[in-house]
Each structure stands twice: as C-alpha cells, then as structure tokens.
Amino acid sequence: RDNAKNTVYLQMNNLKPEDTAVYYCVA
C-alpha cells in the first residue's frame, strides 16, 4: 500500500488458469 496515494496494490506472479476471476478491492 501507498498511504500518501490511498492506494493498495496486488502483484501476482506465476499466474495459473485457475486464477481467472473477477477481482474485487475491499476495505
């Protein structure tokens, strides 16, 4: 996260077909 930008990140590596999905940001 970057507090100054009020932003959260998700870095995903070695992606697999089963990672296919709708991704939701939550708080």
PDB file of all heavy atoms in Angstrom:
ATOM      1  N   ARG A   1       0.823  -1.203   0.000  1.00  0.00           N
ATOM      2  CA  ARG A   1       0.000   0.000   0.000  1.00  0.00           C
ATOM      3  C   ARG A   1       0.858   1.254   0.000  1.00  0.00           C
ATOM      4  O   ARG A   1       1.997   1.249   0.464  1.00  0.00           O
ATOM      5  CB  ARG A   1      -0.973   0.027   1.193  1.00  0.00           C
ATOM      6  CG  ARG A   1      -0.392   0.556   2.514  1.00  0.00           C
ATOM      7  CD  ARG A   1       0.369  -0.509   3.250  1.00  0.00           C
ATOM      8  NE  ARG A   1       0.688  -0.112   4.619  1.00  0.00           N
ATOM      9  CZ  ARG A   1       1.811   0.492   4.987  1.00  0.00           C
ATOM     10  NH1 ARG A   1       2.736   0.781   4.071  1.00  0.00           N
ATOM     11  NH2 ARG A   1       2.020   0.790   6.253  1.00  0.00           N
ATOM     12  N   ASP A   2       0.292   2.319  -0.528  1.00  0.00           N
ATOM     13  CA  ASP A   2       0.907   3.634  -0.534  1.00  0.00           C
ATOM     14  C   ASP A   2      -0.057   4.565   0.183  1.00  0.00           C
ATOM     15  O   ASP A   2      -1.063   4.980  -0.384  1.00  0.00           O
ATOM     16  CB  ASP A   2       1.171   4.106  -1.964  1.00  0.00           C
ATOM     17  CG  ASP A   2       1.952   5.407  -2.016  1.00  0.00           C
ATOM     18  OD1 ASP A   2       1.840   6.223  -1.093  1.00  0.00           O
ATOM     19  OD2 ASP A   2       2.679   5.609  -3.004  1.00  0.00           O
ATOM     20  N   ASN A   3       0.241   4.880   1.433  1.00  0.00           N
ATOM     21  CA  ASN A   3      -0.666   5.684   2.236  1.00  0.00           C
ATOM     22  C   ASN A   3      -0.900   7.076   1.645  1.00  0.00           C
ATOM     23  O   ASN A   3      -2.010   7.601   1.690  1.00  0.00           O
ATOM     24  CB  ASN A   3      -0.124   5.823   3.664  1.00  0.00           C
ATOM     25  CG  ASN A   3      -0.180   4.520   4.433  1.00  0.00           C
ATOM     26  OD1 ASN A   3      -0.298   3.439   3.855  1.00  0.00           O
ATOM     27  ND2 ASN A   3      -0.091   4.622   5.759  1.00  0.00           N
ATOM     28  N   ALA A   4       0.148   7.668   1.099  1.00  0.00           N
ATOM     29  CA  ALA A   4       0.037   9.006   0.538  1.00  0.00           C
ATOM     30  C   ALA A   4      -0.921   9.046  -0.641  1.00  0.00           C
ATOM     31  O   ALA A   4      -1.584  10.060  -0.876  1.00  0.00           O
ATOM     32  CB  ALA A   4       1.407   9.528   0.125  1.00  0.00           C
ATOM     33  N   LYS A   5      -0.993   7.959  -1.386  1.00  0.00           N
ATOM     34  CA  LYS A   5      -1.860   7.892  -2.560  1.00  0.00           C
ATOM     35  C   LYS A   5      -3.189   7.202  -2.273  1.00  0.00           C
ATOM     36  O   LYS A   5      -4.018   7.073  -3.178  1.00  0.00           O
ATOM     37  CB  LYS A   5      -1.150   7.167  -3.697  1.00  0.00           C
ATOM     38  CG  LYS A   5       0.098   7.871  -4.202  1.00  0.00           C
ATOM     39  CD  LYS A   5       0.728   7.096  -5.355  1.00  0.00           C
ATOM     40  CE  LYS A   5       1.954   7.807  -5.886  1.00  0.00           C
ATOM     41  NZ  LYS A   5       2.584   7.060  -7.010  1.00  0.00           N
ATOM     42  N   ASN A   6      -3.390   6.747  -1.029  1.00  0.00           N
ATOM     43  CA  ASN A   6      -4.596   5.999  -0.674  1.00  0.00           C
ATOM     44  C   ASN A   6      -4.840   4.853  -1.651  1.00  0.00           C
ATOM     45  O   ASN A   6      -5.955   4.661  -2.142  1.00  0.00           O
ATOM     46  CB  ASN A   6      -5.810   6.923  -0.621  1.00  0.00           C
ATOM     47  CG  ASN A   6      -5.823   7.811   0.603  1.00  0.00           C
ATOM     48  OD1 ASN A   6      -5.110   7.573   1.579  1.00  0.00           O
ATOM     49  ND2 ASN A   6      -6.645   8.849   0.572  1.00  0.00           N
ATOM     50  N   THR A   7      -3.796   4.113  -1.912  1.00  0.00           N
ATOM     51  CA  THR A   7      -3.851   3.072  -2.924  1.00  0.00           C
ATOM     52  C   THR A   7      -3.248   1.772  -2.397  1.00  0.00           C
ATOM     53  O   THR A   7      -2.230   1.789  -1.702  1.00  0.00           O
ATOM     54  CB  THR A   7      -3.110   3.499  -4.195  1.00  0.00           C
ATOM     55  OG1 THR A   7      -3.701   4.697  -4.708  1.00  0.00           O
ATOM     56  CG2 THR A   7      -3.177   2.418  -5.260  1.00  0.00           C
ATOM     57  N   VAL A   8      -3.889   0.664  -2.740  1.00  0.00           N
ATOM     58  CA  VAL A   8      -3.373  -0.658  -2.413  1.00  0.00           C
ATOM     59  C   VAL A   8      -3.085  -1.395  -3.710  1.00  0.00           C
ATOM     60  O   VAL A   8      -3.777  -1.194  -4.720  1.00  0.00           O
ATOM     61  CB  VAL A   8      -4.367  -1.442  -1.527  1.00  0.00           C
ATOM     62  CG1 VAL A   8      -5.664  -1.727  -2.276  1.00  0.00           C
ATOM     63  CG2 VAL A   8      -3.743  -2.739  -1.040  1.00  0.00           C
ATOM     64  N   TYR A   9      -2.066  -2.253  -3.693  1.00  0.00           N
ATOM     65  CA  TYR A   9      -1.637  -2.970  -4.881  1.00  0.00           C
ATOM     66  C   TYR A   9      -1.628  -4.468  -4.624  1.00  0.00           C
ATOM     67  O   TYR A   9      -1.434  -4.926  -3.507  1.00  0.00           O
ATOM     68  CB  TYR A   9      -0.233  -2.542  -5.301  1.00  0.00           C
ATOM     69  CG  TYR A   9      -0.074  -1.052  -5.502  1.00  0.00           C
ATOM     70  CD1 TYR A   9       0.297  -0.231  -4.447  1.00  0.00           C
ATOM     71  CD2 TYR A   9      -0.298  -0.475  -6.748  1.00  0.00           C
ATOM     72  CE1 TYR A   9       0.436   1.137  -4.623  1.00  0.00           C
ATOM     73  CE2 TYR A   9      -0.156   0.881  -6.934  1.00  0.00           C
ATOM     74  CZ  TYR A   9       0.214   1.688  -5.872  1.00  0.00           C
ATOM     75  OH  TYR A   9       0.350   3.041  -6.057  1.00  0.00           O
ATOM     76  N   LEU A  10      -1.821  -5.217  -5.692  1.00  0.00           N
ATOM     77  CA  LEU A  10      -1.685  -6.667  -5.635  1.00  0.00           C
ATOM     78  C   LEU A  10      -0.817  -7.103  -6.806  1.00  0.00           C
ATOM     79  O   LEU A  10      -1.235  -7.014  -7.959  1.00  0.00           O
ATOM     80  CB  LEU A  10      -3.036  -7.372  -5.693  1.00  0.00           C
ATOM     81  CG  LEU A  10      -2.978  -8.905  -5.628  1.00  0.00           C
ATOM     82  CD1 LEU A  10      -2.471  -9.360  -4.258  1.00  0.00           C
ATOM     83  CD2 LEU A  10      -4.349  -9.518  -5.916  1.00  0.00           C
ATOM     84  N   GLN A  11       0.387  -7.554  -6.496  1.00  0.00           N
ATOM     85  CA  GLN A  11       1.298  -8.088  -7.501  1.00  0.00           C
ATOM     86  C   GLN A  11       1.129  -9.600  -7.533  1.00  0.00           C
ATOM     87  O   GLN A  11       1.335 -10.273  -6.527  1.00  0.00           O
ATOM     88  CB  GLN A  11       2.743  -7.714  -7.169  1.00  0.00           C
ATOM     89  CG  GLN A  11       3.785  -8.315  -8.097  1.00  0.00           C
ATOM     90  CD  GLN A  11       3.753  -7.723  -9.488  1.00  0.00           C
ATOM     91  OE1 GLN A  11       3.613  -6.510  -9.643  1.00  0.00           O
ATOM     92  NE2 GLN A  11       3.868  -8.558 -10.501  1.00  0.00           N
ATOM     93  N   MET A  12       0.758 -10.138  -8.683  1.00  0.00           N
ATOM     94  CA  MET A  12       0.560 -11.562  -8.844  1.00  0.00           C
ATOM     95  C   MET A  12       1.558 -12.107  -9.847  1.00  0.00           C
ATOM     96  O   MET A  12       1.675 -11.585 -10.961  1.00  0.00           O
ATOM     97  CB  MET A  12      -0.867 -11.871  -9.292  1.00  0.00           C
ATOM     98  CG  MET A  12      -1.936 -11.408  -8.308  1.00  0.00           C
ATOM     99  SD  MET A  12      -3.617 -11.849  -8.842  1.00  0.00           S
ATOM    100  CE  MET A  12      -3.794 -10.771 -10.261  1.00  0.00           C
ATOM    101  N   ASN A  13       2.255 -13.154  -9.448  1.00  0.00           N
ATOM    102  CA  ASN A  13       3.262 -13.775 -10.294  1.00  0.00           C
ATOM    103  C   ASN A  13       2.902 -15.229 -10.563  1.00  0.00           C
ATOM    104  O   ASN A  13       2.103 -15.830  -9.849  1.00  0.00           O
ATOM    105  CB  ASN A  13       4.637 -13.696  -9.635  1.00  0.00           C
ATOM    106  CG  ASN A  13       5.058 -12.287  -9.329  1.00  0.00           C
ATOM    107  OD1 ASN A  13       4.940 -11.391 -10.160  1.00  0.00           O
ATOM    108  ND2 ASN A  13       5.579 -12.073  -8.113  1.00  0.00           N
ATOM    109  N   ASN A  14       3.529 -15.782 -11.593  1.00  0.00           N
ATOM    110  CA  ASN A  14       3.302 -17.178 -11.959  1.00  0.00           C
ATOM    111  C   ASN A  14       1.808 -17.493 -12.017  1.00  0.00           C
ATOM    112  O   ASN A  14       1.320 -18.447 -11.405  1.00  0.00           O
ATOM    113  CB  ASN A  14       4.003 -18.109 -10.968  1.00  0.00           C
ATOM    114  CG  ASN A  14       4.048 -19.549 -11.441  1.00  0.00           C
ATOM    115  OD1 ASN A  14       3.982 -19.830 -12.637  1.00  0.00           O
ATOM    116  ND2 ASN A  14       4.150 -20.481 -10.501  1.00  0.00           N
ATOM    117  N   LEU A  15       1.098 -16.694 -12.764  1.00  0.00           N
ATOM    118  CA  LEU A  15      -0.350 -16.848 -12.858  1.00  0.00           C
ATOM    119  C   LEU A  15      -0.736 -18.171 -13.497  1.00  0.00           C
ATOM    120  O   LEU A  15      -0.060 -18.669 -14.399  1.00  0.00           O
ATOM    121  CB  LEU A  15      -0.948 -15.693 -13.641  1.00  0.00           C
ATOM    122  CG  LEU A  15      -0.962 -14.354 -12.902  1.00  0.00           C
ATOM    123  CD1 LEU A  15      -1.217 -13.209 -13.878  1.00  0.00           C
ATOM    124  CD2 LEU A  15      -2.018 -14.368 -11.802  1.00  0.00           C
ATOM    125  N   LYS A  16      -1.835 -18.734 -13.020  1.00  0.00           N
ATOM    126  CA  LYS A  16      -2.352 -20.000 -13.493  1.00  0.00           C
ATOM    127  C   LYS A  16      -3.769 -19.806 -14.026  1.00  0.00           C
ATOM    128  O   LYS A  16      -4.448 -18.861 -13.636  1.00  0.00           O
ATOM    129  CB  LYS A  16      -2.363 -21.030 -12.360  1.00  0.00           C
ATOM    130  CG  LYS A  16      -1.016 -21.219 -11.683  1.00  0.00           C
ATOM    131  CD  LYS A  16      -1.123 -22.143 -10.480  1.00  0.00           C
ATOM    132  CE  LYS A  16       0.216 -22.308  -9.794  1.00  0.00           C
ATOM    133  NZ  LYS A  16       0.108 -23.196  -8.604  1.00  0.00           N
ATOM    134  N   PRO A  17      -4.217 -20.693 -14.910  1.00  0.00           N
ATOM    135  CA  PRO A  17      -5.589 -20.571 -15.422  1.00  0.00           C
ATOM    136  C   PRO A  17      -6.636 -20.501 -14.314  1.00  0.00           C
ATOM    137  O   PRO A  17      -7.646 -19.811 -14.474  1.00  0.00           O
ATOM    138  CB  PRO A  17      -5.763 -21.833 -16.268  1.00  0.00           C
ATOM    139  CG  PRO A  17      -4.386 -22.126 -16.755  1.00  0.00           C
ATOM    140  CD  PRO A  17      -3.480 -21.772 -15.596  1.00  0.00           C
ATOM    141  N   GLU A  18      -6.410 -21.183 -13.202  1.00  0.00           N
ATOM    142  CA  GLU A  18      -7.361 -21.150 -12.106  1.00  0.00           C
ATOM    143  C   GLU A  18      -7.397 -19.810 -11.377  1.00  0.00           C
ATOM    144  O   GLU A  18      -8.248 -19.591 -10.519  1.00  0.00           O
ATOM    145  CB  GLU A  18      -7.091 -22.281 -11.098  1.00  0.00           C
ATOM    146  CG  GLU A  18      -5.654 -22.330 -10.608  1.00  0.00           C
ATOM    147  CD  GLU A  18      -4.826 -23.357 -11.359  1.00  0.00           C
ATOM    148  OE1 GLU A  18      -4.983 -23.455 -12.592  1.00  0.00           O
ATOM    149  OE2 GLU A  18      -4.030 -24.065 -10.713  1.00  0.00           O
ATOM    150  N   ASP A  19      -6.476 -18.916 -11.702  1.00  0.00           N
ATOM    151  CA  ASP A  19      -6.510 -17.564 -11.156  1.00  0.00           C
ATOM    152  C   ASP A  19      -7.511 -16.679 -11.891  1.00  0.00           C
ATOM    153  O   ASP A  19      -7.768 -15.551 -11.461  1.00  0.00           O
ATOM    154  CB  ASP A  19      -5.130 -16.912 -11.216  1.00  0.00           C
ATOM    155  CG  ASP A  19      -4.129 -17.558 -10.272  1.00  0.00           C
ATOM    156  OD1 ASP A  19      -4.515 -17.896  -9.130  1.00  0.00           O
ATOM    157  OD2 ASP A  19      -2.964 -17.723 -10.676  1.00  0.00           O
ATOM    158  N   THR A  20      -8.047 -17.168 -12.989  1.00  0.00           N
ATOM    159  CA  THR A  20      -9.045 -16.413 -13.737  1.00  0.00           C
ATOM    160  C   THR A  20     -10.250 -16.126 -12.853  1.00  0.00           C
ATOM    161  O   THR A  20     -10.872 -17.039 -12.314  1.00  0.00           O
ATOM    162  CB  THR A  20      -9.487 -17.186 -14.986  1.00  0.00           C
ATOM    163  OG1 THR A  20      -8.387 -17.322 -15.879  1.00  0.00           O
ATOM    164  CG2 THR A  20     -10.613 -16.454 -15.699  1.00  0.00           C
ATOM    165  N   ALA A  21     -10.571 -14.855 -12.699  1.00  0.00           N
ATOM    166  CA  ALA A  21     -11.657 -14.465 -11.815  1.00  0.00           C
ATOM    167  C   ALA A  21     -11.890 -12.968 -11.915  1.00  0.00           C
ATOM    168  O   ALA A  21     -11.075 -12.231 -12.475  1.00  0.00           O
ATOM    169  CB  ALA A  21     -11.336 -14.835 -10.364  1.00  0.00           C
ATOM    170  N   VAL A  22     -12.998 -12.541 -11.359  1.00  0.00           N
ATOM    171  CA  VAL A  22     -13.219 -11.126 -11.124  1.00  0.00           C
ATOM    172  C   VAL A  22     -12.598 -10.794  -9.772  1.00  0.00           C
ATOM    173  O   VAL A  22     -12.920 -11.419  -8.764  1.00  0.00           O
ATOM    174  CB  VAL A  22     -14.715 -10.765 -11.124  1.00  0.00           C
ATOM    175  CG1 VAL A  22     -14.912  -9.300 -10.744  1.00  0.00           C
ATOM    176  CG2 VAL A  22     -15.324 -11.041 -12.492  1.00  0.00           C
ATOM    177  N   TYR A  23     -11.702  -9.835  -9.761  1.00  0.00           N
ATOM    178  CA  TYR A  23     -11.010  -9.445  -8.545  1.00  0.00           C
ATOM    179  C   TYR A  23     -11.638  -8.179  -7.977  1.00  0.00           C
ATOM    180  O   TYR A  23     -11.825  -7.194  -8.689  1.00  0.00           O
ATOM    181  CB  TYR A  23      -9.524  -9.218  -8.820  1.00  0.00           C
ATOM    182  CG  TYR A  23      -8.758 -10.511  -8.983  1.00  0.00           C
ATOM    183  CD1 TYR A  23      -8.912 -11.289 -10.121  1.00  0.00           C
ATOM    184  CD2 TYR A  23      -7.894 -10.962  -7.987  1.00  0.00           C
ATOM    185  CE1 TYR A  23      -8.237 -12.488 -10.265  1.00  0.00           C
ATOM    186  CE2 TYR A  23      -7.207 -12.159  -8.126  1.00  0.00           C
ATOM    187  CZ  TYR A  23      -7.384 -12.915  -9.263  1.00  0.00           C
ATOM    188  OH  TYR A  23      -6.703 -14.101  -9.407  1.00  0.00           O
ATOM    189  N   TYR A  24     -11.952  -8.223  -6.683  1.00  0.00           N
ATOM    190  CA  TYR A  24     -12.603  -7.118  -6.007  1.00  0.00           C
ATOM    191  C   TYR A  24     -11.681  -6.496  -4.969  1.00  0.00           C
ATOM    192  O   TYR A  24     -11.100  -7.206  -4.147  1.00  0.00           O
ATOM    193  CB  TYR A  24     -13.873  -7.588  -5.292  1.00  0.00           C
ATOM    194  CG  TYR A  24     -14.945  -8.131  -6.204  1.00  0.00           C
ATOM    195  CD1 TYR A  24     -14.981  -9.477  -6.537  1.00  0.00           C
ATOM    196  CD2 TYR A  24     -15.928  -7.296  -6.726  1.00  0.00           C
ATOM    197  CE1 TYR A  24     -15.965  -9.982  -7.371  1.00  0.00           C
ATOM    198  CE2 TYR A  24     -16.918  -7.792  -7.554  1.00  0.00           C
ATOM    199  CZ  TYR A  24     -16.929  -9.138  -7.873  1.00  0.00           C
ATOM    200  OH  TYR A  24     -17.912  -9.638  -8.691  1.00  0.00           O
ATOM    201  N   CYS A  25     -11.569  -5.207  -5.009  1.00  0.00           N
ATOM    202  CA  CYS A  25     -10.901  -4.469  -3.950  1.00  0.00           C
ATOM    203  C   CYS A  25     -11.872  -4.296  -2.789  1.00  0.00           C
ATOM    204  O   CYS A  25     -13.058  -4.011  -2.997  1.00  0.00           O
ATOM    205  CB  CYS A  25     -10.441  -3.113  -4.477  1.00  0.00           C
ATOM    206  SG  CYS A  25      -9.575  -2.091  -3.268  1.00  0.00           S
ATOM    207  N   VAL A  26     -11.392  -4.488  -1.571  1.00  0.00           N
ATOM    208  CA  VAL A  26     -12.256  -4.388  -0.394  1.00  0.00           C
ATOM    209  C   VAL A  26     -11.588  -3.547   0.686  1.00  0.00           C
ATOM    210  O   VAL A  26     -10.365  -3.371   0.699  1.00  0.00           O
ATOM    211  CB  VAL A  26     -12.596  -5.779   0.178  1.00  0.00           C
ATOM    212  CG1 VAL A  26     -13.370  -6.596  -0.842  1.00  0.00           C
ATOM    213  CG2 VAL A  26     -11.330  -6.520   0.608  1.00  0.00           C
ATOM    214  N   ALA A  27     -12.402  -3.039   1.601  1.00  0.00           N
ATOM    215  CA  ALA A  27     -11.901  -2.255   2.724  1.00  0.00           C
ATOM    216  C   ALA A  27     -12.822  -2.427   3.923  1.00  0.00           C
ATOM    217  O   ALA A  27     -14.010  -2.738   3.774  1.00  0.00           O
ATOM    218  CB  ALA A  27     -11.798  -0.777   2.349  1.00  0.00           C
TER     219      ALA A  27
END
